[in-house]
Amino acid sequence: IVALLTSACIYLSVICGSLGIILALISRGSEQTLSLRSKVGLI
């Protein structure tokens, strides 16, 4: 959400977006699928 709202601020948006993708992928743990929150965060 922060990455989307601050898309005109290149540094903040890139950092938040990248961390959001990483955390979404890590959050699944050992399971094969992502939870709904992870999918929304990733998107």
PDB file of all heavy atoms in Angstrom:
ATOM      1  N   ILE A   1       0.843  -1.204   0.000  1.00  0.00           N
ATOM      2  CA  ILE A   1       0.000   0.000   0.000  1.00  0.00           C
ATOM      3  C   ILE A   1       0.872   1.246   0.000  1.00  0.00           C
ATOM      4  O   ILE A   1       0.623   2.196  -0.751  1.00  0.00           O
ATOM      5  CB  ILE A   1      -0.965  -0.012   1.211  1.00  0.00           C
ATOM      6  CG1 ILE A   1      -2.001  -1.122   1.039  1.00  0.00           C
ATOM      7  CG2 ILE A   1      -1.643   1.338   1.385  1.00  0.00           C
ATOM      8  CD1 ILE A   1      -2.826  -1.388   2.276  1.00  0.00           C
ATOM      9  N   VAL A   2       1.919   1.246   0.823  1.00  0.00           N
ATOM     10  CA  VAL A   2       2.825   2.398   0.871  1.00  0.00           C
ATOM     11  C   VAL A   2       3.526   2.581  -0.473  1.00  0.00           C
ATOM     12  O   VAL A   2       3.664   3.704  -0.969  1.00  0.00           O
ATOM     13  CB  VAL A   2       3.854   2.236   2.017  1.00  0.00           C
ATOM     14  CG1 VAL A   2       4.945   3.288   1.940  1.00  0.00           C
ATOM     15  CG2 VAL A   2       3.162   2.288   3.363  1.00  0.00           C
ATOM     16  N   ALA A   3       3.950   1.492  -1.098  1.00  0.00           N
ATOM     17  CA  ALA A   3       4.610   1.578  -2.411  1.00  0.00           C
ATOM     18  C   ALA A   3       3.668   2.142  -3.460  1.00  0.00           C
ATOM     19  O   ALA A   3       4.076   2.943  -4.307  1.00  0.00           O
ATOM     20  CB  ALA A   3       5.119   0.201  -2.832  1.00  0.00           C
ATOM     21  N   LEU A   4       2.423   1.750  -3.400  1.00  0.00           N
ATOM     22  CA  LEU A   4       1.449   2.241  -4.368  1.00  0.00           C
ATOM     23  C   LEU A   4       1.137   3.719  -4.149  1.00  0.00           C
ATOM     24  O   LEU A   4       1.042   4.488  -5.106  1.00  0.00           O
ATOM     25  CB  LEU A   4       0.170   1.409  -4.274  1.00  0.00           C
ATOM     26  CG  LEU A   4      -0.794   1.458  -5.429  1.00  0.00           C
ATOM     27  CD1 LEU A   4      -0.117   1.008  -6.715  1.00  0.00           C
ATOM     28  CD2 LEU A   4      -1.988   0.585  -5.157  1.00  0.00           C
ATOM     29  N   LEU A   5       0.996   4.121  -2.892  1.00  0.00           N
ATOM     30  CA  LEU A   5       0.665   5.513  -2.590  1.00  0.00           C
ATOM     31  C   LEU A   5       1.821   6.468  -2.832  1.00  0.00           C
ATOM     32  O   LEU A   5       1.606   7.645  -3.116  1.00  0.00           O
ATOM     33  CB  LEU A   5       0.183   5.641  -1.142  1.00  0.00           C
ATOM     34  CG  LEU A   5      -1.163   4.991  -0.827  1.00  0.00           C
ATOM     35  CD1 LEU A   5      -1.474   5.112   0.657  1.00  0.00           C
ATOM     36  CD2 LEU A   5      -2.265   5.617  -1.655  1.00  0.00           C
ATOM     37  N   THR A   6       3.047   5.980  -2.705  1.00  0.00           N
ATOM     38  CA  THR A   6       4.216   6.845  -2.865  1.00  0.00           C
ATOM     39  C   THR A   6       4.947   6.554  -4.168  1.00  0.00           C
ATOM     40  O   THR A   6       6.166   6.692  -4.239  1.00  0.00           O
ATOM     41  CB  THR A   6       5.184   6.666  -1.683  1.00  0.00           C
ATOM     42  OG1 THR A   6       5.638   5.308  -1.654  1.00  0.00           O
ATOM     43  CG2 THR A   6       4.550   7.050  -0.373  1.00  0.00           C
ATOM     44  N   SER A   7       4.212   6.183  -5.185  1.00  0.00           N
ATOM     45  CA  SER A   7       4.866   5.805  -6.442  1.00  0.00           C
ATOM     46  C   SER A   7       5.571   6.978  -7.116  1.00  0.00           C
ATOM     47  O   SER A   7       6.428   6.767  -7.962  1.00  0.00           O
ATOM     48  CB  SER A   7       3.853   5.179  -7.390  1.00  0.00           C
ATOM     49  OG  SER A   7       2.809   6.063  -7.650  1.00  0.00           O
ATOM     50  N   ALA A   8       5.264   8.203  -6.750  1.00  0.00           N
ATOM     51  CA  ALA A   8       5.968   9.354  -7.299  1.00  0.00           C
ATOM     52  C   ALA A   8       7.280   9.621  -6.559  1.00  0.00           C
ATOM     53  O   ALA A   8       8.106  10.393  -7.030  1.00  0.00           O
ATOM     54  CB  ALA A   8       5.083  10.591  -7.252  1.00  0.00           C
ATOM     55  N   CYS A   9       7.482   9.002  -5.432  1.00  0.00           N
ATOM     56  CA  CYS A   9       8.732   9.129  -4.667  1.00  0.00           C
ATOM     57  C   CYS A   9       9.566   7.878  -4.946  1.00  0.00           C
ATOM     58  O   CYS A   9       9.337   6.832  -4.335  1.00  0.00           O
ATOM     59  CB  CYS A   9       8.455   9.239  -3.176  1.00  0.00           C
ATOM     60  SG  CYS A   9       7.353  10.575  -2.744  1.00  0.00           S
ATOM     61  N   ILE A  10      10.516   7.993  -5.833  1.00  0.00           N
ATOM     62  CA  ILE A  10      11.191   6.820  -6.378  1.00  0.00           C
ATOM     63  C   ILE A  10      11.883   5.988  -5.296  1.00  0.00           C
ATOM     64  O   ILE A  10      11.786   4.765  -5.301  1.00  0.00           O
ATOM     65  CB  ILE A  10      12.168   7.204  -7.496  1.00  0.00           C
ATOM     66  CG1 ILE A  10      12.686   5.947  -8.193  1.00  0.00           C
ATOM     67  CG2 ILE A  10      13.304   8.047  -6.990  1.00  0.00           C
ATOM     68  CD1 ILE A  10      13.402   6.209  -9.483  1.00  0.00           C
ATOM     69  N   TYR A  11      12.572   6.606  -4.382  1.00  0.00           N
ATOM     70  CA  TYR A  11      13.348   5.828  -3.426  1.00  0.00           C
ATOM     71  C   TYR A  11      12.449   5.086  -2.442  1.00  0.00           C
ATOM     72  O   TYR A  11      12.643   3.896  -2.209  1.00  0.00           O
ATOM     73  CB  TYR A  11      14.337   6.720  -2.681  1.00  0.00           C
ATOM     74  CG  TYR A  11      15.316   7.387  -3.613  1.00  0.00           C
ATOM     75  CD1 TYR A  11      15.334   8.761  -3.785  1.00  0.00           C
ATOM     76  CD2 TYR A  11      16.204   6.625  -4.360  1.00  0.00           C
ATOM     77  CE1 TYR A  11      16.228   9.364  -4.654  1.00  0.00           C
ATOM     78  CE2 TYR A  11      17.095   7.212  -5.229  1.00  0.00           C
ATOM     79  CZ  TYR A  11      17.102   8.576  -5.374  1.00  0.00           C
ATOM     80  OH  TYR A  11      17.974   9.166  -6.234  1.00  0.00           O
ATOM     81  N   LEU A  12      11.485   5.766  -1.881  1.00  0.00           N
ATOM     82  CA  LEU A  12      10.595   5.132  -0.911  1.00  0.00           C
ATOM     83  C   LEU A  12       9.762   4.034  -1.558  1.00  0.00           C
ATOM     84  O   LEU A  12       9.601   2.939  -1.003  1.00  0.00           O
ATOM     85  CB  LEU A  12       9.691   6.182  -0.262  1.00  0.00           C
ATOM     86  CG  LEU A  12       8.754   5.683   0.834  1.00  0.00           C
ATOM     87  CD1 LEU A  12       9.556   5.105   1.990  1.00  0.00           C
ATOM     88  CD2 LEU A  12       7.873   6.799   1.311  1.00  0.00           C
ATOM     89  N   SER A  13       9.254   4.290  -2.736  1.00  0.00           N
ATOM     90  CA  SER A  13       8.413   3.314  -3.416  1.00  0.00           C
ATOM     91  C   SER A  13       9.186   2.059  -3.808  1.00  0.00           C
ATOM     92  O   SER A  13       8.687   0.946  -3.657  1.00  0.00           O
ATOM     93  CB  SER A  13       7.785   3.951  -4.645  1.00  0.00           C
ATOM     94  OG  SER A  13       6.988   3.015  -5.316  1.00  0.00           O
ATOM     95  N   VAL A  14      10.390   2.232  -4.313  1.00  0.00           N
ATOM     96  CA  VAL A  14      11.194   1.070  -4.722  1.00  0.00           C
ATOM     97  C   VAL A  14      11.572   0.228  -3.512  1.00  0.00           C
ATOM     98  O   VAL A  14      11.502  -1.009  -3.553  1.00  0.00           O
ATOM     99  CB  VAL A  14      12.438   1.523  -5.516  1.00  0.00           C
ATOM    100  CG1 VAL A  14      13.417   0.383  -5.719  1.00  0.00           C
ATOM    101  CG2 VAL A  14      12.026   2.100  -6.856  1.00  0.00           C
ATOM    102  N   ILE A  15      11.937   0.866  -2.420  1.00  0.00           N
ATOM    103  CA  ILE A  15      12.313   0.124  -1.215  1.00  0.00           C
ATOM    104  C   ILE A  15      11.105  -0.620  -0.644  1.00  0.00           C
ATOM    105  O   ILE A  15      11.177  -1.814  -0.358  1.00  0.00           O
ATOM    106  CB  ILE A  15      12.927   1.075  -0.162  1.00  0.00           C
ATOM    107  CG1 ILE A  15      14.300   1.554  -0.645  1.00  0.00           C
ATOM    108  CG2 ILE A  15      13.052   0.390   1.191  1.00  0.00           C
ATOM    109  CD1 ILE A  15      14.893   2.661   0.190  1.00  0.00           C
ATOM    110  N   CYS A  16       9.974   0.077  -0.485  1.00  0.00           N
ATOM    111  CA  CYS A  16       8.783  -0.564   0.079  1.00  0.00           C
ATOM    112  C   CYS A  16       8.239  -1.654  -0.836  1.00  0.00           C
ATOM    113  O   CYS A  16       7.833  -2.717  -0.372  1.00  0.00           O
ATOM    114  CB  CYS A  16       7.703   0.474   0.351  1.00  0.00           C
ATOM    115  SG  CYS A  16       8.090   1.572   1.712  1.00  0.00           S
ATOM    116  N   GLY A  17       8.236  -1.411  -2.134  1.00  0.00           N
ATOM    117  CA  GLY A  17       7.760  -2.413  -3.074  1.00  0.00           C
ATOM    118  C   GLY A  17       8.622  -3.664  -3.081  1.00  0.00           C
ATOM    119  O   GLY A  17       8.121  -4.796  -3.080  1.00  0.00           O
ATOM    120  N   SER A  18       9.931  -3.468  -3.061  1.00  0.00           N
ATOM    121  CA  SER A  18      10.843  -4.616  -3.052  1.00  0.00           C
ATOM    122  C   SER A  18      10.709  -5.419  -1.761  1.00  0.00           C
ATOM    123  O   SER A  18      10.647  -6.654  -1.795  1.00  0.00           O
ATOM    124  CB  SER A  18      12.284  -4.136  -3.212  1.00  0.00           C
ATOM    125  OG  SER A  18      12.439  -3.437  -4.412  1.00  0.00           O
ATOM    126  N   LEU A  19      10.673  -4.720  -0.642  1.00  0.00           N
ATOM    127  CA  LEU A  19      10.505  -5.428   0.638  1.00  0.00           C
ATOM    128  C   LEU A  19       9.148  -6.124   0.712  1.00  0.00           C
ATOM    129  O   LEU A  19       9.043  -7.216   1.276  1.00  0.00           O
ATOM    130  CB  LEU A  19      10.660  -4.455   1.805  1.00  0.00           C
ATOM    131  CG  LEU A  19      12.077  -4.016   2.122  1.00  0.00           C
ATOM    132  CD1 LEU A  19      12.060  -2.962   3.225  1.00  0.00           C
ATOM    133  CD2 LEU A  19      12.944  -5.182   2.513  1.00  0.00           C
ATOM    134  N   GLY A  20       8.122  -5.512   0.156  1.00  0.00           N
ATOM    135  CA  GLY A  20       6.798  -6.127   0.142  1.00  0.00           C
ATOM    136  C   GLY A  20       6.784  -7.433  -0.638  1.00  0.00           C
ATOM    137  O   GLY A  20       6.179  -8.414  -0.222  1.00  0.00           O
ATOM    138  N   ILE A  21       7.472  -7.462  -1.777  1.00  0.00           N
ATOM    139  CA  ILE A  21       7.552  -8.684  -2.572  1.00  0.00           C
ATOM    140  C   ILE A  21       8.313  -9.761  -1.815  1.00  0.00           C
ATOM    141  O   ILE A  21       7.879 -10.922  -1.740  1.00  0.00           O
ATOM    142  CB  ILE A  21       8.224  -8.396  -3.929  1.00  0.00           C
ATOM    143  CG1 ILE A  21       7.299  -7.542  -4.795  1.00  0.00           C
ATOM    144  CG2 ILE A  21       8.585  -9.689  -4.649  1.00  0.00           C
ATOM    145  CD1 ILE A  21       7.944  -7.019  -6.057  1.00  0.00           C
ATOM    146  N   ILE A  22       9.435  -9.389  -1.226  1.00  0.00           N
ATOM    147  CA  ILE A  22      10.240 -10.362  -0.479  1.00  0.00           C
ATOM    148  C   ILE A  22       9.454 -10.930   0.695  1.00  0.00           C
ATOM    149  O   ILE A  22       9.429 -12.148   0.920  1.00  0.00           O
ATOM    150  CB  ILE A  22      11.559  -9.713  -0.014  1.00  0.00           C
ATOM    151  CG1 ILE A  22      12.453  -9.433  -1.223  1.00  0.00           C
ATOM    152  CG2 ILE A  22      12.283 -10.593   0.994  1.00  0.00           C
ATOM    153  CD1 ILE A  22      13.647  -8.559  -0.924  1.00  0.00           C
ATOM    154  N   LEU A  23       8.805 -10.063   1.480  1.00  0.00           N
ATOM    155  CA  LEU A  23       8.044 -10.545   2.636  1.00  0.00           C
ATOM    156  C   LEU A  23       6.857 -11.404   2.226  1.00  0.00           C
ATOM    157  O   LEU A  23       6.518 -12.368   2.914  1.00  0.00           O
ATOM    158  CB  LEU A  23       7.575  -9.367   3.490  1.00  0.00           C
ATOM    159  CG  LEU A  23       8.661  -8.655   4.285  1.00  0.00           C
ATOM    160  CD1 LEU A  23       8.072  -7.478   5.040  1.00  0.00           C
ATOM    161  CD2 LEU A  23       9.357  -9.605   5.238  1.00  0.00           C
ATOM    162  N   ALA A  24       6.223 -11.075   1.114  1.00  0.00           N
ATOM    163  CA  ALA A  24       5.097 -11.893   0.642  1.00  0.00           C
ATOM    164  C   ALA A  24       5.567 -13.297   0.291  1.00  0.00           C
ATOM    165  O   ALA A  24       4.897 -14.283   0.613  1.00  0.00           O
ATOM    166  CB  ALA A  24       4.428 -11.240  -0.560  1.00  0.00           C
ATOM    167  N   LEU A  25       6.713 -13.397  -0.343  1.00  0.00           N
ATOM    168  CA  LEU A  25       7.223 -14.714  -0.727  1.00  0.00           C
ATOM    169  C   LEU A  25       7.756 -15.500   0.471  1.00  0.00           C
ATOM    170  O   LEU A  25       7.615 -16.720   0.526  1.00  0.00           O
ATOM    171  CB  LEU A  25       8.303 -14.562  -1.799  1.00  0.00           C
ATOM    172  CG  LEU A  25       7.810 -13.986  -3.130  1.00  0.00           C
ATOM    173  CD1 LEU A  25       8.968 -13.771  -4.076  1.00  0.00           C
ATOM    174  CD2 LEU A  25       6.755 -14.888  -3.746  1.00  0.00           C
ATOM    175  N   ILE A  26       8.350 -14.799   1.427  1.00  0.00           N
ATOM    176  CA  ILE A  26       8.858 -15.478   2.625  1.00  0.00           C
ATOM    177  C   ILE A  26       7.707 -15.936   3.517  1.00  0.00           C
ATOM    178  O   ILE A  26       7.818 -16.962   4.201  1.00  0.00           O
ATOM    179  CB  ILE A  26       9.815 -14.553   3.404  1.00  0.00           C
ATOM    180  CG1 ILE A  26      11.113 -14.368   2.631  1.00  0.00           C
ATOM    181  CG2 ILE A  26      10.121 -15.103   4.783  1.00  0.00           C
ATOM    182  CD1 ILE A  26      12.061 -13.376   3.258  1.00  0.00           C
ATOM    183  N   SER A  27       6.600 -15.210   3.529  1.00  0.00           N
ATOM    184  CA  SER A  27       5.506 -15.492   4.464  1.00  0.00           C
ATOM    185  C   SER A  27       4.853 -16.850   4.237  1.00  0.00           C
ATOM    186  O   SER A  27       4.202 -17.368   5.129  1.00  0.00           O
ATOM    187  CB  SER A  27       4.442 -14.401   4.382  1.00  0.00           C
ATOM    188  OG  SER A  27       3.744 -14.490   3.164  1.00  0.00           O
ATOM    189  N   ARG A  28       5.008 -17.415   3.076  1.00  0.00           N
ATOM    190  CA  ARG A  28       4.371 -18.723   2.847  1.00  0.00           C
ATOM    191  C   ARG A  28       5.052 -19.835   3.621  1.00  0.00           C
ATOM    192  O   ARG A  28       4.472 -20.883   3.837  1.00  0.00           O
ATOM    193  CB  ARG A  28       4.308 -19.044   1.364  1.00  0.00           C
ATOM    194  CG  ARG A  28       5.630 -19.350   0.756  1.00  0.00           C
ATOM    195  CD  ARG A  28       5.481 -19.637  -0.704  1.00  0.00           C
ATOM    196  NE  ARG A  28       6.812 -19.842  -1.247  1.00  0.00           N
ATOM    197  CZ  ARG A  28       7.117 -20.763  -2.113  1.00  0.00           C
ATOM    198  NH1 ARG A  28       6.188 -21.563  -2.560  1.00  0.00           N
ATOM    199  NH2 ARG A  28       8.340 -20.883  -2.550  1.00  0.00           N
ATOM    200  N   GLY A  29       6.280 -19.633   4.056  1.00  0.00           N
ATOM    201  CA  GLY A  29       6.979 -20.641   4.843  1.00  0.00           C
ATOM    202  C   GLY A  29       7.222 -21.898   4.034  1.00  0.00           C
ATOM    203  O   GLY A  29       7.693 -21.849   2.910  1.00  0.00           O
ATOM    204  N   SER A  30       6.846 -23.028   4.600  1.00  0.00           N
ATOM    205  CA  SER A  30       7.075 -24.300   3.912  1.00  0.00           C
ATOM    206  C   SER A  30       5.881 -24.720   3.059  1.00  0.00           C
ATOM    207  O   SER A  30       5.925 -25.756   2.409  1.00  0.00           O
ATOM    208  CB  SER A  30       7.382 -25.391   4.937  1.00  0.00           C
ATOM    209  OG  SER A  30       6.284 -25.545   5.809  1.00  0.00           O
ATOM    210  N   GLU A  31       4.812 -23.927   3.068  1.00  0.00           N
ATOM    211  CA  GLU A  31       3.636 -24.261   2.278  1.00  0.00           C
ATOM    212  C   GLU A  31       3.857 -23.895   0.818  1.00  0.00           C
ATOM    213  O   GLU A  31       4.715 -23.085   0.488  1.00  0.00           O
ATOM    214  CB  GLU A  31       2.408 -23.532   2.822  1.00  0.00           C
ATOM    215  CG  GLU A  31       2.042 -23.959   4.232  1.00  0.00           C
ATOM    216  CD  GLU A  31       0.827 -23.218   4.743  1.00  0.00           C
ATOM    217  OE1 GLU A  31       0.092 -22.644   3.925  1.00  0.00           O
ATOM    218  OE2 GLU A  31       0.639 -23.213   5.954  1.00  0.00           O
ATOM    219  N   GLN A  32       3.082 -24.495  -0.049  1.00  0.00           N
ATOM    220  CA  GLN A  32       3.222 -24.242  -1.485  1.00  0.00           C
ATOM    221  C   GLN A  32       2.428 -23.034  -1.967  1.00  0.00           C
ATOM    222  O   GLN A  32       2.740 -22.460  -2.990  1.00  0.00           O
ATOM    223  CB  GLN A  32       2.770 -25.491  -2.278  1.00  0.00           C
ATOM    224  CG  GLN A  32       3.641 -26.701  -2.048  1.00  0.00           C
ATOM    225  CD  GLN A  32       5.064 -26.479  -2.537  1.00  0.00           C
ATOM    226  OE1 GLN A  32       5.274 -25.837  -3.550  1.00  0.00           O
ATOM    227  NE2 GLN A  32       6.025 -26.990  -1.789  1.00  0.00           N
ATOM    228  N   THR A  33       1.377 -22.666  -1.245  1.00  0.00           N
ATOM    229  CA  THR A  33       0.515 -21.567  -1.679  1.00  0.00           C
ATOM    230  C   THR A  33       0.668 -20.368  -0.758  1.00  0.00           C
ATOM    231  O   THR A  33       1.087 -20.491   0.385  1.00  0.00           O
ATOM    232  CB  THR A  33      -0.957 -22.001  -1.692  1.00  0.00           C
ATOM    233  OG1 THR A  33      -1.334 -22.382  -0.363  1.00  0.00           O
ATOM    234  CG2 THR A  33      -1.169 -23.165  -2.644  1.00  0.00           C
ATOM    235  N   LEU A  34       0.305 -19.216  -1.283  1.00  0.00           N
ATOM    236  CA  LEU A  34       0.323 -17.981  -0.508  1.00  0.00           C
ATOM    237  C   LEU A  34      -1.036 -17.761   0.136  1.00  0.00           C
ATOM    238  O   LEU A  34      -2.063 -18.134  -0.430  1.00  0.00           O
ATOM    239  CB  LEU A  34       0.645 -16.792  -1.410  1.00  0.00           C
ATOM    240  CG  LEU A  34       2.033 -16.741  -2.031  1.00  0.00           C
ATOM    241  CD1 LEU A  34       2.104 -15.609  -3.049  1.00  0.00           C
ATOM    242  CD2 LEU A  34       3.087 -16.550  -0.976  1.00  0.00           C
ATOM    243  N   SER A  35      -1.026 -17.118   1.290  1.00  0.00           N
ATOM    244  CA  SER A  35      -2.293 -16.752   1.914  1.00  0.00           C
ATOM    245  C   SER A  35      -2.886 -15.563   1.168  1.00  0.00           C
ATOM    246  O   SER A  35      -2.231 -14.950   0.319  1.00  0.00           O
ATOM    247  CB  SER A  35      -2.068 -16.404   3.389  1.00  0.00           C
ATOM    248  OG  SER A  35      -1.308 -15.224   3.502  1.00  0.00           O
ATOM    249  N   LEU A  36      -4.112 -15.214   1.482  1.00  0.00           N
ATOM    250  CA  LEU A  36      -4.790 -14.109   0.805  1.00  0.00           C
ATOM    251  C   LEU A  36      -4.052 -12.796   1.039  1.00  0.00           C
ATOM    252  O   LEU A  36      -3.861 -12.004   0.121  1.00  0.00           O
ATOM    253  CB  LEU A  36      -6.239 -14.008   1.272  1.00  0.00           C
ATOM    254  CG  LEU A  36      -7.064 -12.909   0.612  1.00  0.00           C
ATOM    255  CD1 LEU A  36      -7.155 -13.160  -0.892  1.00  0.00           C
ATOM    256  CD2 LEU A  36      -8.432 -12.823   1.222  1.00  0.00           C
ATOM    257  N   ARG A  37      -3.621 -12.554   2.274  1.00  0.00           N
ATOM    258  CA  ARG A  37      -2.886 -11.327   2.572  1.00  0.00           C
ATOM    259  C   ARG A  37      -1.567 -11.272   1.807  1.00  0.00           C
ATOM    260  O   ARG A  37      -1.152 -10.216   1.347  1.00  0.00           O
ATOM    261  CB  ARG A  37      -2.600 -11.218   4.065  1.00  0.00           C
ATOM    262  CG  ARG A  37      -3.777 -10.783   4.869  1.00  0.00           C
ATOM    263  CD  ARG A  37      -3.394 -10.551   6.291  1.00  0.00           C
ATOM    264  NE  ARG A  37      -4.569 -10.199   7.060  1.00  0.00           N
ATOM    265  CZ  ARG A  37      -4.601 -10.186   8.362  1.00  0.00           C
ATOM    266  NH1 ARG A  37      -3.533 -10.522   9.051  1.00  0.00           N
ATOM    267  NH2 ARG A  37      -5.699  -9.858   8.993  1.00  0.00           N
ATOM    268  N   SER A  38      -0.907 -12.412   1.682  1.00  0.00           N
ATOM    269  CA  SER A  38       0.350 -12.447   0.935  1.00  0.00           C
ATOM    270  C   SER A  38       0.120 -12.137  -0.537  1.00  0.00           C
ATOM    271  O   SER A  38       0.895 -11.408  -1.153  1.00  0.00           O
ATOM    272  CB  SER A  38       1.017 -13.816   1.056  1.00  0.00           C
ATOM    273  OG  SER A  38       1.377 -14.078   2.376  1.00  0.00           O
ATOM    274  N   LYS A  39      -0.954 -12.690  -1.089  1.00  0.00           N
ATOM    275  CA  LYS A  39      -1.271 -12.422  -2.494  1.00  0.00           C
ATOM    276  C   LYS A  39      -1.574 -10.943  -2.711  1.00  0.00           C
ATOM    277  O   LYS A  39      -1.104 -10.335  -3.672  1.00  0.00           O
ATOM    278  CB  LYS A  39      -2.456 -13.266  -2.949  1.00  0.00           C
ATOM    279  CG  LYS A  39      -2.129 -14.723  -3.101  1.00  0.00           C
ATOM    280  CD  LYS A  39      -3.368 -15.494  -3.517  1.00  0.00           C
ATOM    281  CE  LYS A  39      -3.089 -16.987  -3.545  1.00  0.00           C
ATOM    282  NZ  LYS A  39      -4.295 -17.752  -3.886  1.00  0.00           N
ATOM    283  N   VAL A  40      -2.352 -10.365  -1.810  1.00  0.00           N
ATOM    284  CA  VAL A  40      -2.693  -8.945  -1.922  1.00  0.00           C
ATOM    285  C   VAL A  40      -1.440  -8.088  -1.776  1.00  0.00           C
ATOM    286  O   VAL A  40      -1.218  -7.145  -2.538  1.00  0.00           O
ATOM    287  CB  VAL A  40      -3.761  -8.548  -0.877  1.00  0.00           C
ATOM    288  CG1 VAL A  40      -3.949  -7.046  -0.822  1.00  0.00           C
ATOM    289  CG2 VAL A  40      -5.072  -9.243  -1.174  1.00  0.00           C
ATOM    290  N   GLY A  41      -0.586  -8.427  -0.804  1.00  0.00           N
ATOM    291  CA  GLY A  41       0.669  -7.700  -0.618  1.00  0.00           C
ATOM    292  C   GLY A  41       1.577  -7.805  -1.826  1.00  0.00           C
ATOM    293  O   GLY A  41       2.198  -6.826  -2.247  1.00  0.00           O
ATOM    294  N   LEU A  42       1.645  -8.991  -2.412  1.00  0.00           N
ATOM    295  CA  LEU A  42       2.469  -9.202  -3.601  1.00  0.00           C
ATOM    296  C   LEU A  42       1.948  -8.381  -4.781  1.00  0.00           C
ATOM    297  O   LEU A  42       2.708  -7.703  -5.477  1.00  0.00           O
ATOM    298  CB  LEU A  42       2.494 -10.690  -3.951  1.00  0.00           C
ATOM    299  CG  LEU A  42       3.388 -11.121  -5.098  1.00  0.00           C
ATOM    300  CD1 LEU A  42       4.848 -10.878  -4.765  1.00  0.00           C
ATOM    301  CD2 LEU A  42       3.162 -12.594  -5.410  1.00  0.00           C
ATOM    302  N   ILE A  43       0.651  -8.400  -4.985  1.00  0.00           N
ATOM    303  CA  ILE A  43       0.045  -7.657  -6.096  1.00  0.00           C
ATOM    304  C   ILE A  43       0.217  -6.153  -5.906  1.00  0.00           C
ATOM    305  O   ILE A  43       0.577  -5.438  -6.843  1.00  0.00           O
ATOM    306  CB  ILE A  43      -1.442  -8.042  -6.250  1.00  0.00           C
ATOM    307  CG1 ILE A  43      -1.551  -9.479  -6.752  1.00  0.00           C
ATOM    308  CG2 ILE A  43      -2.175  -7.080  -7.177  1.00  0.00           C
ATOM    309  CD1 ILE A  43      -2.948 -10.054  -6.686  1.00  0.00           C
TER     310      ILE A  43
END
